[in-house]
Amino acid sequence: MTYIGTDIVEVSRIRKMIEMKGERFLSHIYDKIEVEYCSVRVNPALHYAGRFSAKEAVKKALLSSGLFDYVLLKDIVIGRDISGVPSVMLPHDMSKKGSVNVSISHTDNYATATAIFQLK
């Protein structure tokens, strides 16, 4: 069975959260790997927004399967494979039930993502 999630977020919303809450916001939502990647970019808020949208899309796909009662955004890690394609890392109890693919896109103002959760 396949489950889909999608999300869109305003980059300015994420930028404001980072400005207002700083490290508290970042450490609540993002893994160290994500912070290291995004923080060195020319426009960090754009990349944080892309990952935020991807996490939300993955969360929606996982929850729609009915296999999970809750999913924390912090438990979803958005990385990149060797060719730069976004990858999803989940805790073992989630990843043993299926795999997730995600696509992220953004403009200067919005970031959007679509995730597909495929049961094993």
PDB file of N, CA and C in Angstrom:
ATOM      1  N   MET A   1       0.849  -1.176   0.000  1.00  0.00           N
ATOM      2  CA  MET A   1       0.000   0.000   0.000  1.00  0.00           C
ATOM      3  C   MET A   1       0.890   1.234   0.000  1.00  0.00           C
ATOM      4  N   THR A   2       0.404   2.307  -0.612  1.00  0.00           N
ATOM      5  CA  THR A   2       1.141   3.555  -0.729  1.00  0.00           C
ATOM      6  C   THR A   2       0.340   4.688  -0.108  1.00  0.00           C
ATOM      7  N   TYR A   3       1.026   5.562   0.626  1.00  0.00           N
ATOM      8  CA  TYR A   3       0.392   6.709   1.278  1.00  0.00           C
ATOM      9  C   TYR A   3       1.156   7.970   0.909  1.00  0.00           C
ATOM     10  N   ILE A   4       0.410   9.046   0.660  1.00  0.00           N
ATOM     11  CA  ILE A   4       1.008  10.287   0.189  1.00  0.00           C
ATOM     12  C   ILE A   4       0.732  11.415   1.176  1.00  0.00           C
ATOM     13  N   GLY A   5       1.729  12.285   1.346  1.00  0.00           N
ATOM     14  CA  GLY A   5       1.574  13.495   2.143  1.00  0.00           C
ATOM     15  C   GLY A   5       2.164  14.657   1.377  1.00  0.00           C
ATOM     16  N   THR A   6       1.602  15.827   1.551  1.00  0.00           N
ATOM     17  CA  THR A   6       2.139  17.021   0.897  1.00  0.00           C
ATOM     18  C   THR A   6       2.047  18.197   1.854  1.00  0.00           C
ATOM     19  N   ASP A   7       2.897  19.182   1.659  1.00  0.00           N
ATOM     20  CA  ASP A   7       2.896  20.358   2.518  1.00  0.00           C
ATOM     21  C   ASP A   7       3.497  21.537   1.769  1.00  0.00           C
ATOM     22  N   ILE A   8       3.085  22.727   2.187  1.00  0.00           N
ATOM     23  CA  ILE A   8       3.660  23.968   1.682  1.00  0.00           C
ATOM     24  C   ILE A   8       3.798  24.916   2.862  1.00  0.00           C
ATOM     25  N   VAL A   9       4.885  25.669   2.882  1.00  0.00           N
ATOM     26  CA  VAL A   9       5.138  26.607   3.975  1.00  0.00           C
ATOM     27  C   VAL A   9       5.742  27.892   3.406  1.00  0.00           C
ATOM     28  N   GLU A  10       5.398  29.001   4.023  1.00  0.00           N
ATOM     29  CA  GLU A  10       6.011  30.276   3.634  1.00  0.00           C
ATOM     30  C   GLU A  10       7.408  30.349   4.245  1.00  0.00           C
ATOM     31  N   VAL A  11       8.376  30.688   3.431  1.00  0.00           N
ATOM     32  CA  VAL A  11       9.758  30.808   3.903  1.00  0.00           C
ATOM     33  C   VAL A  11       9.830  31.877   5.002  1.00  0.00           C
ATOM     34  N   SER A  12       9.084  32.950   4.856  1.00  0.00           N
ATOM     35  CA  SER A  12       9.107  34.032   5.854  1.00  0.00           C
ATOM     36  C   SER A  12       8.643  33.545   7.226  1.00  0.00           C
ATOM     37  N   ARG A  13       7.726  32.600   7.261  1.00  0.00           N
ATOM     38  CA  ARG A  13       7.242  32.052   8.535  1.00  0.00           C
ATOM     39  C   ARG A  13       8.367  31.330   9.267  1.00  0.00           C
ATOM     40  N   ILE A  14       9.133  30.536   8.538  1.00  0.00           N
ATOM     41  CA  ILE A  14      10.251  29.811   9.145  1.00  0.00           C
ATOM     42  C   ILE A  14      11.349  30.801   9.544  1.00  0.00           C
ATOM     43  N   ARG A  15      11.623  31.783   8.700  1.00  0.00           N
ATOM     44  CA  ARG A  15      12.624  32.802   9.013  1.00  0.00           C
ATOM     45  C   ARG A  15      12.267  33.507  10.326  1.00  0.00           C
ATOM     46  N   LYS A  16      10.995  33.877  10.496  1.00  0.00           N
ATOM     47  CA  LYS A  16      10.543  34.559  11.718  1.00  0.00           C
ATOM     48  C   LYS A  16      10.705  33.660  12.938  1.00  0.00           C
ATOM     49  N   MET A  17      10.398  32.380  12.801  1.00  0.00           N
ATOM     50  CA  MET A  17      10.549  31.448  13.919  1.00  0.00           C
ATOM     51  C   MET A  17      12.024  31.343  14.338  1.00  0.00           C
ATOM     52  N   ILE A  18      12.899  31.305  13.356  1.00  0.00           N
ATOM     53  CA  ILE A  18      14.336  31.229  13.656  1.00  0.00           C
ATOM     54  C   ILE A  18      14.785  32.519  14.344  1.00  0.00           C
ATOM     55  N   GLU A  19      14.328  33.669  13.835  1.00  0.00           N
ATOM     56  CA  GLU A  19      14.708  34.951  14.434  1.00  0.00           C
ATOM     57  C   GLU A  19      14.160  35.094  15.848  1.00  0.00           C
ATOM     58  N   MET A  20      12.923  34.660  16.078  1.00  0.00           N
ATOM     59  CA  MET A  20      12.283  34.819  17.382  1.00  0.00           C
ATOM     60  C   MET A  20      12.765  33.792  18.420  1.00  0.00           C
ATOM     61  N   LYS A  21      12.896  32.538  18.000  1.00  0.00           N
ATOM     62  CA  LYS A  21      13.173  31.472  18.966  1.00  0.00           C
ATOM     63  C   LYS A  21      14.567  30.870  18.838  1.00  0.00           C
ATOM     64  N   GLY A  22      15.241  31.152  17.731  1.00  0.00           N
ATOM     65  CA  GLY A  22      16.627  30.726  17.542  1.00  0.00           C
ATOM     66  C   GLY A  22      16.863  29.244  17.744  1.00  0.00           C
ATOM     67  N   GLU A  23      17.865  28.939  18.554  1.00  0.00           N
ATOM     68  CA  GLU A  23      18.297  27.565  18.796  1.00  0.00           C
ATOM     69  C   GLU A  23      17.181  26.709  19.388  1.00  0.00           C
ATOM     70  N   ARG A  24      16.321  27.311  20.170  1.00  0.00           N
ATOM     71  CA  ARG A  24      15.210  26.554  20.771  1.00  0.00           C
ATOM     72  C   ARG A  24      14.305  25.963  19.684  1.00  0.00           C
ATOM     73  N   PHE A  25      13.989  26.766  18.678  1.00  0.00           N
ATOM     74  CA  PHE A  25      13.171  26.293  17.550  1.00  0.00           C
ATOM     75  C   PHE A  25      13.944  25.254  16.749  1.00  0.00           C
ATOM     76  N   LEU A  26      15.175  25.574  16.396  1.00  0.00           N
ATOM     77  CA  LEU A  26      15.964  24.670  15.553  1.00  0.00           C
ATOM     78  C   LEU A  26      16.143  23.306  16.212  1.00  0.00           C
ATOM     79  N   SER A  27      16.481  23.285  17.493  1.00  0.00           N
ATOM     80  CA  SER A  27      16.732  22.004  18.153  1.00  0.00           C
ATOM     81  C   SER A  27      15.444  21.209  18.408  1.00  0.00           C
ATOM     82  N   HIS A  28      14.317  21.890  18.409  1.00  0.00           N
ATOM     83  CA  HIS A  28      13.030  21.209  18.608  1.00  0.00           C
ATOM     84  C   HIS A  28      12.550  20.515  17.328  1.00  0.00           C
ATOM     85  N   ILE A  29      12.924  21.066  16.174  1.00  0.00           N
ATOM     86  CA  ILE A  29      12.425  20.572  14.883  1.00  0.00           C
ATOM     87  C   ILE A  29      13.481  19.792  14.086  1.00  0.00           C
ATOM     88  N   TYR A  30      14.716  20.270  14.119  1.00  0.00           N
ATOM     89  CA  TYR A  30      15.739  19.756  13.210  1.00  0.00           C
ATOM     90  C   TYR A  30      16.814  18.938  13.927  1.00  0.00           C
ATOM     91  N   ASP A  31      17.349  17.971  13.210  1.00  0.00           N
ATOM     92  CA  ASP A  31      18.473  17.173  13.661  1.00  0.00           C
ATOM     93  C   ASP A  31      19.765  17.959  13.393  1.00  0.00           C
ATOM     94  N   LYS A  32      20.828  17.571  14.077  1.00  0.00           N
ATOM     95  CA  LYS A  32      22.133  18.215  13.906  1.00  0.00           C
ATOM     96  C   LYS A  32      22.583  18.207  12.436  1.00  0.00           C
ATOM     97  N   ILE A  33      22.332  17.111  11.744  1.00  0.00           N
ATOM     98  CA  ILE A  33      22.702  16.994  10.321  1.00  0.00           C
ATOM     99  C   ILE A  33      22.005  18.082   9.502  1.00  0.00           C
ATOM    100  N   GLU A  34      20.741  18.304   9.768  1.00  0.00           N
ATOM    101  CA  GLU A  34      19.960  19.305   9.030  1.00  0.00           C
ATOM    102  C   GLU A  34      20.446  20.712   9.341  1.00  0.00           C
ATOM    103  N   VAL A  35      20.727  20.983  10.608  1.00  0.00           N
ATOM    104  CA  VAL A  35      21.209  22.313  11.007  1.00  0.00           C
ATOM    105  C   VAL A  35      22.559  22.589  10.360  1.00  0.00           C
ATOM    106  N   GLU A  36      23.452  21.609  10.361  1.00  0.00           N
ATOM    107  CA  GLU A  36      24.768  21.782   9.736  1.00  0.00           C
ATOM    108  C   GLU A  36      24.627  22.098   8.252  1.00  0.00           C
ATOM    109  N   TYR A  37      23.728  21.413   7.570  1.00  0.00           N
ATOM    110  CA  TYR A  37      23.524  21.640   6.141  1.00  0.00           C
ATOM    111  C   TYR A  37      22.915  23.022   5.879  1.00  0.00           C
ATOM    112  N   CYS A  38      21.825  23.328   6.551  1.00  0.00           N
ATOM    113  CA  CYS A  38      21.084  24.560   6.266  1.00  0.00           C
ATOM    114  C   CYS A  38      21.826  25.815   6.694  1.00  0.00           C
ATOM    115  N   SER A  39      22.503  25.760   7.811  1.00  0.00           N
ATOM    116  CA  SER A  39      23.110  26.969   8.378  1.00  0.00           C
ATOM    117  C   SER A  39      24.238  27.545   7.533  1.00  0.00           C
ATOM    118  N   VAL A  40      24.851  26.761   6.681  1.00  0.00           N
ATOM    119  CA  VAL A  40      25.955  27.270   5.854  1.00  0.00           C
ATOM    120  C   VAL A  40      25.498  27.726   4.471  1.00  0.00           C
ATOM    121  N   ARG A  41      24.231  27.624   4.186  1.00  0.00           N
ATOM    122  CA  ARG A  41      23.698  28.048   2.893  1.00  0.00           C
ATOM    123  C   ARG A  41      23.579  29.566   2.841  1.00  0.00           C
ATOM    124  N   VAL A  42      23.555  30.111   1.625  1.00  0.00           N
ATOM    125  CA  VAL A  42      23.424  31.555   1.432  1.00  0.00           C
ATOM    126  C   VAL A  42      22.119  32.064   2.045  1.00  0.00           C
ATOM    127  N   ASN A  43      21.047  31.291   1.883  1.00  0.00           N
ATOM    128  CA  ASN A  43      19.741  31.651   2.440  1.00  0.00           C
ATOM    129  C   ASN A  43      19.265  30.495   3.324  1.00  0.00           C
ATOM    130  N   PRO A  44      19.761  30.423   4.561  1.00  0.00           N
ATOM    131  CA  PRO A  44      19.416  29.284   5.423  1.00  0.00           C
ATOM    132  C   PRO A  44      17.911  29.084   5.596  1.00  0.00           C
ATOM    133  N   ALA A  45      17.147  30.160   5.737  1.00  0.00           N
ATOM    134  CA  ALA A  45      15.700  30.028   5.969  1.00  0.00           C
ATOM    135  C   ALA A  45      15.020  29.266   4.837  1.00  0.00           C
ATOM    136  N   LEU A  46      15.481  29.451   3.615  1.00  0.00           N
ATOM    137  CA  LEU A  46      14.913  28.751   2.463  1.00  0.00           C
ATOM    138  C   LEU A  46      15.101  27.240   2.612  1.00  0.00           C
ATOM    139  N   HIS A  47      16.269  26.826   3.056  1.00  0.00           N
ATOM    140  CA  HIS A  47      16.567  25.402   3.201  1.00  0.00           C
ATOM    141  C   HIS A  47      15.896  24.809   4.439  1.00  0.00           C
ATOM    142  N   TYR A  48      15.830  25.594   5.514  1.00  0.00           N
ATOM    143  CA  TYR A  48      15.077  25.133   6.685  1.00  0.00           C
ATOM    144  C   TYR A  48      13.597  24.965   6.320  1.00  0.00           C
ATOM    145  N   ALA A  49      13.060  25.887   5.535  1.00  0.00           N
ATOM    146  CA  ALA A  49      11.653  25.803   5.120  1.00  0.00           C
ATOM    147  C   ALA A  49      11.421  24.562   4.265  1.00  0.00           C
ATOM    148  N   GLY A  50      12.334  24.266   3.364  1.00  0.00           N
ATOM    149  CA  GLY A  50      12.210  23.066   2.536  1.00  0.00           C
ATOM    150  C   GLY A  50      12.187  21.809   3.380  1.00  0.00           C
ATOM    151  N   ARG A  51      13.066  21.749   4.363  1.00  0.00           N
ATOM    152  CA  ARG A  51      13.094  20.578   5.237  1.00  0.00           C
ATOM    153  C   ARG A  51      11.880  20.523   6.153  1.00  0.00           C
ATOM    154  N   PHE A  52      11.407  21.680   6.609  1.00  0.00           N
ATOM    155  CA  PHE A  52      10.194  21.712   7.426  1.00  0.00           C
ATOM    156  C   PHE A  52       9.018  21.163   6.631  1.00  0.00           C
ATOM    157  N   SER A  53       8.872  21.635   5.401  1.00  0.00           N
ATOM    158  CA  SER A  53       7.791  21.167   4.540  1.00  0.00           C
ATOM    159  C   SER A  53       7.918  19.670   4.272  1.00  0.00           C
ATOM    160  N   ALA A  54       9.137  19.192   4.067  1.00  0.00           N
ATOM    161  CA  ALA A  54       9.361  17.761   3.827  1.00  0.00           C
ATOM    162  C   ALA A  54       8.988  16.945   5.057  1.00  0.00           C
ATOM    163  N   LYS A  55       9.369  17.420   6.233  1.00  0.00           N
ATOM    164  CA  LYS A  55       9.026  16.714   7.470  1.00  0.00           C
ATOM    165  C   LYS A  55       7.512  16.629   7.636  1.00  0.00           C
ATOM    166  N   GLU A  56       6.819  17.725   7.372  1.00  0.00           N
ATOM    167  CA  GLU A  56       5.351  17.734   7.480  1.00  0.00           C
ATOM    168  C   GLU A  56       4.729  16.773   6.468  1.00  0.00           C
ATOM    169  N   ALA A  57       5.249  16.757   5.240  1.00  0.00           N
ATOM    170  CA  ALA A  57       4.718  15.853   4.219  1.00  0.00           C
ATOM    171  C   ALA A  57       4.935  14.396   4.625  1.00  0.00           C
ATOM    172  N   VAL A  58       6.113  14.091   5.138  1.00  0.00           N
ATOM    173  CA  VAL A  58       6.407  12.727   5.596  1.00  0.00           C
ATOM    174  C   VAL A  58       5.480  12.367   6.748  1.00  0.00           C
ATOM    175  N   LYS A  59       5.323  13.276   7.691  1.00  0.00           N
ATOM    176  CA  LYS A  59       4.441  13.027   8.837  1.00  0.00           C
ATOM    177  C   LYS A  59       3.021  12.707   8.379  1.00  0.00           C
ATOM    178  N   LYS A  60       2.507  13.476   7.425  1.00  0.00           N
ATOM    179  CA  LYS A  60       1.150  13.240   6.909  1.00  0.00           C
ATOM    180  C   LYS A  60       1.044  11.877   6.228  1.00  0.00           C
ATOM    181  N   ALA A  61       2.064  11.506   5.459  1.00  0.00           N
ATOM    182  CA  ALA A  61       2.042  10.197   4.785  1.00  0.00           C
ATOM    183  C   ALA A  61       2.070   9.067   5.811  1.00  0.00           C
ATOM    184  N   LEU A  62       2.918   9.196   6.826  1.00  0.00           N
ATOM    185  CA  LEU A  62       3.013   8.158   7.851  1.00  0.00           C
ATOM    186  C   LEU A  62       1.713   8.033   8.645  1.00  0.00           C
ATOM    187  N   LEU A  63       1.148   9.163   9.056  1.00  0.00           N
ATOM    188  CA  LEU A  63      -0.084   9.129   9.846  1.00  0.00           C
ATOM    189  C   LEU A  63      -1.263   8.607   9.038  1.00  0.00           C
ATOM    190  N   SER A  64      -1.284   8.904   7.746  1.00  0.00           N
ATOM    191  CA  SER A  64      -2.408   8.439   6.921  1.00  0.00           C
ATOM    192  C   SER A  64      -2.422   6.919   6.774  1.00  0.00           C
ATOM    193  N   SER A  65      -1.290   6.276   7.032  1.00  0.00           N
ATOM    194  CA  SER A  65      -1.230   4.817   6.945  1.00  0.00           C
ATOM    195  C   SER A  65      -1.990   4.148   8.085  1.00  0.00           C
ATOM    196  N   GLY A  66      -2.208   4.884   9.171  1.00  0.00           N
ATOM    197  CA  GLY A  66      -2.872   4.305  10.330  1.00  0.00           C
ATOM    198  C   GLY A  66      -1.964   3.439  11.195  1.00  0.00           C
ATOM    199  N   LEU A  67      -0.702   3.328  10.841  1.00  0.00           N
ATOM    200  CA  LEU A  67       0.240   2.501  11.593  1.00  0.00           C
ATOM    201  C   LEU A  67       0.832   3.219  12.803  1.00  0.00           C
ATOM    202  N   PHE A  68       0.722   4.539  12.813  1.00  0.00           N
ATOM    203  CA  PHE A  68       1.349   5.329  13.867  1.00  0.00           C
ATOM    204  C   PHE A  68       0.314   6.252  14.501  1.00  0.00           C
ATOM    205  N   ASP A  69       0.381   6.376  15.826  1.00  0.00           N
ATOM    206  CA  ASP A  69      -0.525   7.273  16.542  1.00  0.00           C
ATOM    207  C   ASP A  69      -0.034   8.714  16.499  1.00  0.00           C
ATOM    208  N   TYR A  70       1.280   8.896  16.470  1.00  0.00           N
ATOM    209  CA  TYR A  70       1.879  10.224  16.408  1.00  0.00           C
ATOM    210  C   TYR A  70       3.246  10.113  15.757  1.00  0.00           C
ATOM    211  N   VAL A  71       3.705  11.211  15.217  1.00  0.00           N
ATOM    212  CA  VAL A  71       5.024  11.293  14.603  1.00  0.00           C
ATOM    213  C   VAL A  71       5.590  12.657  14.977  1.00  0.00           C
ATOM    214  N   LEU A  72       6.775  12.669  15.562  1.00  0.00           N
ATOM    215  CA  LEU A  72       7.432  13.921  15.908  1.00  0.00           C
ATOM    216  C   LEU A  72       8.281  14.395  14.731  1.00  0.00           C
ATOM    217  N   LEU A  73       8.223  15.684  14.426  1.00  0.00           N
ATOM    218  CA  LEU A  73       9.021  16.222  13.323  1.00  0.00           C
ATOM    219  C   LEU A  73      10.503  15.981  13.552  1.00  0.00           C
ATOM    220  N   LYS A  74      10.942  16.046  14.792  1.00  0.00           N
ATOM    221  CA  LYS A  74      12.352  15.838  15.134  1.00  0.00           C
ATOM    222  C   LYS A  74      12.812  14.421  14.774  1.00  0.00           C
ATOM    223  N   ASP A  75      11.886  13.451  14.772  1.00  0.00           N
ATOM    224  CA  ASP A  75      12.230  12.061  14.447  1.00  0.00           C
ATOM    225  C   ASP A  75      12.431  11.832  12.948  1.00  0.00           C
ATOM    226  N   ILE A  76      11.993  12.777  12.145  1.00  0.00           N
ATOM    227  CA  ILE A  76      12.140  12.684  10.692  1.00  0.00           C
ATOM    228  C   ILE A  76      13.359  13.520  10.308  1.00  0.00           C
ATOM    229  N   VAL A  77      14.347  12.894   9.718  1.00  0.00           N
ATOM    230  CA  VAL A  77      15.561  13.602   9.324  1.00  0.00           C
ATOM    231  C   VAL A  77      15.636  13.622   7.802  1.00  0.00           C
ATOM    232  N   ILE A  78      15.730  14.820   7.262  1.00  0.00           N
ATOM    233  CA  ILE A  78      15.840  14.989   5.817  1.00  0.00           C
ATOM    234  C   ILE A  78      17.306  15.227   5.479  1.00  0.00           C
ATOM    235  N   GLY A  79      17.876  14.265   4.788  1.00  0.00           N
ATOM    236  CA  GLY A  79      19.271  14.367   4.362  1.00  0.00           C
ATOM    237  C   GLY A  79      19.347  14.451   2.846  1.00  0.00           C
ATOM    238  N   ARG A  80      20.500  14.101   2.344  1.00  0.00           N
ATOM    239  CA  ARG A  80      20.707  14.063   0.895  1.00  0.00           C
ATOM    240  C   ARG A  80      21.578  12.865   0.572  1.00  0.00           C
ATOM    241  N   ASP A  81      21.256  12.209  -0.544  1.00  0.00           N
ATOM    242  CA  ASP A  81      22.120  11.104  -0.949  1.00  0.00           C
ATOM    243  C   ASP A  81      23.333  11.672  -1.678  1.00  0.00           C
ATOM    244  N   ILE A  82      24.180  10.812  -2.150  1.00  0.00           N
ATOM    245  CA  ILE A  82      25.437  11.247  -2.765  1.00  0.00           C
ATOM    246  C   ILE A  82      25.238  12.153  -3.990  1.00  0.00           C
ATOM    247  N   SER A  83      24.102  11.992  -4.677  1.00  0.00           N
ATOM    248  CA  SER A  83      23.835  12.822  -5.860  1.00  0.00           C
ATOM    249  C   SER A  83      23.055  14.094  -5.518  1.00  0.00           C
ATOM    250  N   GLY A  84      22.742  14.298  -4.233  1.00  0.00           N
ATOM    251  CA  GLY A  84      22.031  15.507  -3.816  1.00  0.00           C
ATOM    252  C   GLY A  84      20.527  15.360  -3.706  1.00  0.00           C
ATOM    253  N   VAL A  85      20.009  14.173  -4.005  1.00  0.00           N
ATOM    254  CA  VAL A  85      18.573  13.929  -3.932  1.00  0.00           C
ATOM    255  C   VAL A  85      18.163  13.837  -2.454  1.00  0.00           C
ATOM    256  N   PRO A  86      17.057  14.489  -2.067  1.00  0.00           N
ATOM    257  CA  PRO A  86      16.619  14.405  -0.670  1.00  0.00           C
ATOM    258  C   PRO A  86      16.352  12.965  -0.249  1.00  0.00           C
ATOM    259  N   SER A  87      16.752  12.658   0.974  1.00  0.00           N
ATOM    260  CA  SER A  87      16.513  11.331   1.530  1.00  0.00           C
ATOM    261  C   SER A  87      15.847  11.494   2.890  1.00  0.00           C
ATOM    262  N   VAL A  88      15.162  10.441   3.325  1.00  0.00           N
ATOM    263  CA  VAL A  88      14.436  10.465   4.592  1.00  0.00           C
ATOM    264  C   VAL A  88      14.998   9.384   5.498  1.00  0.00           C
ATOM    265  N   MET A  89      15.367   9.789   6.714  1.00  0.00           N
ATOM    266  CA  MET A  89      15.810   8.849   7.738  1.00  0.00           C
ATOM    267  C   MET A  89      14.777   8.870   8.858  1.00  0.00           C
ATOM    268  N   LEU A  90      14.310   7.670   9.218  1.00  0.00           N
ATOM    269  CA  LEU A  90      13.294   7.521  10.264  1.00  0.00           C
ATOM    270  C   LEU A  90      13.839   6.641  11.377  1.00  0.00           C
ATOM    271  N   PRO A  91      13.256   6.742  12.586  1.00  0.00           N
ATOM    272  CA  PRO A  91      13.622   5.807  13.649  1.00  0.00           C
ATOM    273  C   PRO A  91      13.344   4.371  13.190  1.00  0.00           C
ATOM    274  N   HIS A  92      14.082   3.429  13.751  1.00  0.00           N
ATOM    275  CA  HIS A  92      13.990   2.035  13.318  1.00  0.00           C
ATOM    276  C   HIS A  92      12.567   1.478  13.373  1.00  0.00           C
ATOM    277  N   ASP A  93      11.815   1.811  14.415  1.00  0.00           N
ATOM    278  CA  ASP A  93      10.462   1.251  14.528  1.00  0.00           C
ATOM    279  C   ASP A  93       9.560   1.714  13.395  1.00  0.00           C
ATOM    280  N   MET A  94       9.869   2.852  12.804  1.00  0.00           N
ATOM    281  CA  MET A  94       9.090   3.337  11.661  1.00  0.00           C
ATOM    282  C   MET A  94       9.652   2.792  10.350  1.00  0.00           C
ATOM    283  N   SER A  95      10.963   2.824  10.212  1.00  0.00           N
ATOM    284  CA  SER A  95      11.576   2.416   8.942  1.00  0.00           C
ATOM    285  C   SER A  95      11.403   0.927   8.666  1.00  0.00           C
ATOM    286  N   LYS A  96      11.212   0.116   9.708  1.00  0.00           N
ATOM    287  CA  LYS A  96      11.027  -1.317   9.466  1.00  0.00           C
ATOM    288  C   LYS A  96       9.649  -1.618   8.867  1.00  0.00           C
ATOM    289  N   LYS A  97       8.736  -0.647   8.911  1.00  0.00           N
ATOM    290  CA  LYS A  97       7.392  -0.854   8.370  1.00  0.00           C
ATOM    291  C   LYS A  97       7.262  -0.402   6.918  1.00  0.00           C
ATOM    292  N   GLY A  98       8.224   0.387   6.453  1.00  0.00           N
ATOM    293  CA  GLY A  98       8.160   0.852   5.075  1.00  0.00           C
ATOM    294  C   GLY A  98       9.237   1.865   4.780  1.00  0.00           C
ATOM    295  N   SER A  99       9.213   2.374   3.568  1.00  0.00           N
ATOM    296  CA  SER A  99      10.204   3.370   3.162  1.00  0.00           C
ATOM    297  C   SER A  99       9.496   4.625   2.669  1.00  0.00           C
ATOM    298  N   VAL A 100      10.210   5.730   2.758  1.00  0.00           N
ATOM    299  CA  VAL A 100       9.642   7.020   2.360  1.00  0.00           C
ATOM    300  C   VAL A 100      10.558   7.683   1.352  1.00  0.00           C
ATOM    301  N   ASN A 101       9.959   8.212   0.302  1.00  0.00           N
ATOM    302  CA  ASN A 101      10.653   9.069  -0.655  1.00  0.00           C
ATOM    303  C   ASN A 101      10.040  10.448  -0.562  1.00  0.00           C
ATOM    304  N   VAL A 102      10.861  11.463  -0.763  1.00  0.00           N
ATOM    305  CA  VAL A 102      10.373  12.832  -0.661  1.00  0.00           C
ATOM    306  C   VAL A 102      10.961  13.676  -1.786  1.00  0.00           C
ATOM    307  N   SER A 103      10.158  14.624  -2.239  1.00  0.00           N
ATOM    308  CA  SER A 103      10.595  15.607  -3.219  1.00  0.00           C
ATOM    309  C   SER A 103      10.346  16.988  -2.625  1.00  0.00           C
ATOM    310  N   ILE A 104      11.345  17.854  -2.725  1.00  0.00           N
ATOM    311  CA  ILE A 104      11.257  19.209  -2.174  1.00  0.00           C
ATOM    312  C   ILE A 104      11.464  20.213  -3.293  1.00  0.00           C
ATOM    313  N   SER A 105      10.672  21.280  -3.261  1.00  0.00           N
ATOM    314  CA  SER A 105      10.835  22.358  -4.221  1.00  0.00           C
ATOM    315  C   SER A 105      10.593  23.681  -3.505  1.00  0.00           C
ATOM    316  N   HIS A 106      11.219  24.738  -3.999  1.00  0.00           N
ATOM    317  CA  HIS A 106      11.004  26.035  -3.362  1.00  0.00           C
ATOM    318  C   HIS A 106      11.225  27.188  -4.330  1.00  0.00           C
ATOM    319  N   THR A 107      10.607  28.310  -3.968  1.00  0.00           N
ATOM    320  CA  THR A 107      10.855  29.592  -4.601  1.00  0.00           C
ATOM    321  C   THR A 107      11.411  30.480  -3.501  1.00  0.00           C
ATOM    322  N   ASP A 108      11.564  31.754  -3.766  1.00  0.00           N
ATOM    323  CA  ASP A 108      12.024  32.660  -2.714  1.00  0.00           C
ATOM    324  C   ASP A 108      11.008  32.772  -1.588  1.00  0.00           C
ATOM    325  N   ASN A 109       9.731  32.522  -1.876  1.00  0.00           N
ATOM    326  CA  ASN A 109       8.669  32.753  -0.901  1.00  0.00           C
ATOM    327  C   ASN A 109       8.056  31.495  -0.293  1.00  0.00           C
ATOM    328  N   TYR A 110       8.097  30.385  -1.004  1.00  0.00           N
ATOM    329  CA  TYR A 110       7.432  29.164  -0.538  1.00  0.00           C
ATOM    330  C   TYR A 110       8.323  27.945  -0.706  1.00  0.00           C
ATOM    331  N   ALA A 111       8.131  26.990   0.199  1.00  0.00           N
ATOM    332  CA  ALA A 111       8.758  25.678   0.060  1.00  0.00           C
ATOM    333  C   ALA A 111       7.631  24.649   0.105  1.00  0.00           C
ATOM    334  N   THR A 112       7.736  23.656  -0.744  1.00  0.00           N
ATOM    335  CA  THR A 112       6.725  22.613  -0.801  1.00  0.00           C
ATOM    336  C   THR A 112       7.404  21.252  -0.888  1.00  0.00           C
ATOM    337  N   ALA A 113       6.697  20.246  -0.429  1.00  0.00           N
ATOM    338  CA  ALA A 113       7.251  18.888  -0.483  1.00  0.00           C
ATOM    339  C   ALA A 113       6.110  17.890  -0.613  1.00  0.00           C
ATOM    340  N   THR A 114       6.450  16.780  -1.245  1.00  0.00           N
ATOM    341  CA  THR A 114       5.533  15.641  -1.358  1.00  0.00           C
ATOM    342  C   THR A 114       6.300  14.407  -0.910  1.00  0.00           C
ATOM    343  N   ALA A 115       5.637  13.599  -0.094  1.00  0.00           N
ATOM    344  CA  ALA A 115       6.250  12.371   0.403  1.00  0.00           C
ATOM    345  C   ALA A 115       5.379  11.178   0.067  1.00  0.00           C
ATOM    346  N   ILE A 116       6.041  10.068  -0.218  1.00  0.00           N
ATOM    347  CA  ILE A 116       5.350   8.810  -0.493  1.00  0.00           C
ATOM    348  C   ILE A 116       5.887   7.768   0.471  1.00  0.00           C
ATOM    349  N   PHE A 117       4.984   7.185   1.264  1.00  0.00           N
ATOM    350  CA  PHE A 117       5.310   6.116   2.203  1.00  0.00           C
ATOM    351  C   PHE A 117       4.829   4.814   1.599  1.00  0.00           C
ATOM    352  N   GLN A 118       5.753   3.902   1.381  1.00  0.00           N
ATOM    353  CA  GLN A 118       5.442   2.609   0.771  1.00  0.00           C
ATOM    354  C   GLN A 118       5.651   1.514   1.811  1.00  0.00           C
ATOM    355  N   LEU A 119       4.592   0.760   2.096  1.00  0.00           N
ATOM    356  CA  LEU A 119       4.708  -0.347   3.045  1.00  0.00           C
ATOM    357  C   LEU A 119       5.612  -1.436   2.495  1.00  0.00           C
ATOM    358  N   LYS A 120       6.303  -2.098   3.411  1.00  0.00           N
ATOM    359  CA  LYS A 120       7.166  -3.220   2.989  1.00  0.00           C
ATOM    360  C   LYS A 120       6.342  -4.452   2.792  1.00  0.00           C
TER     361      LYS A 120
END
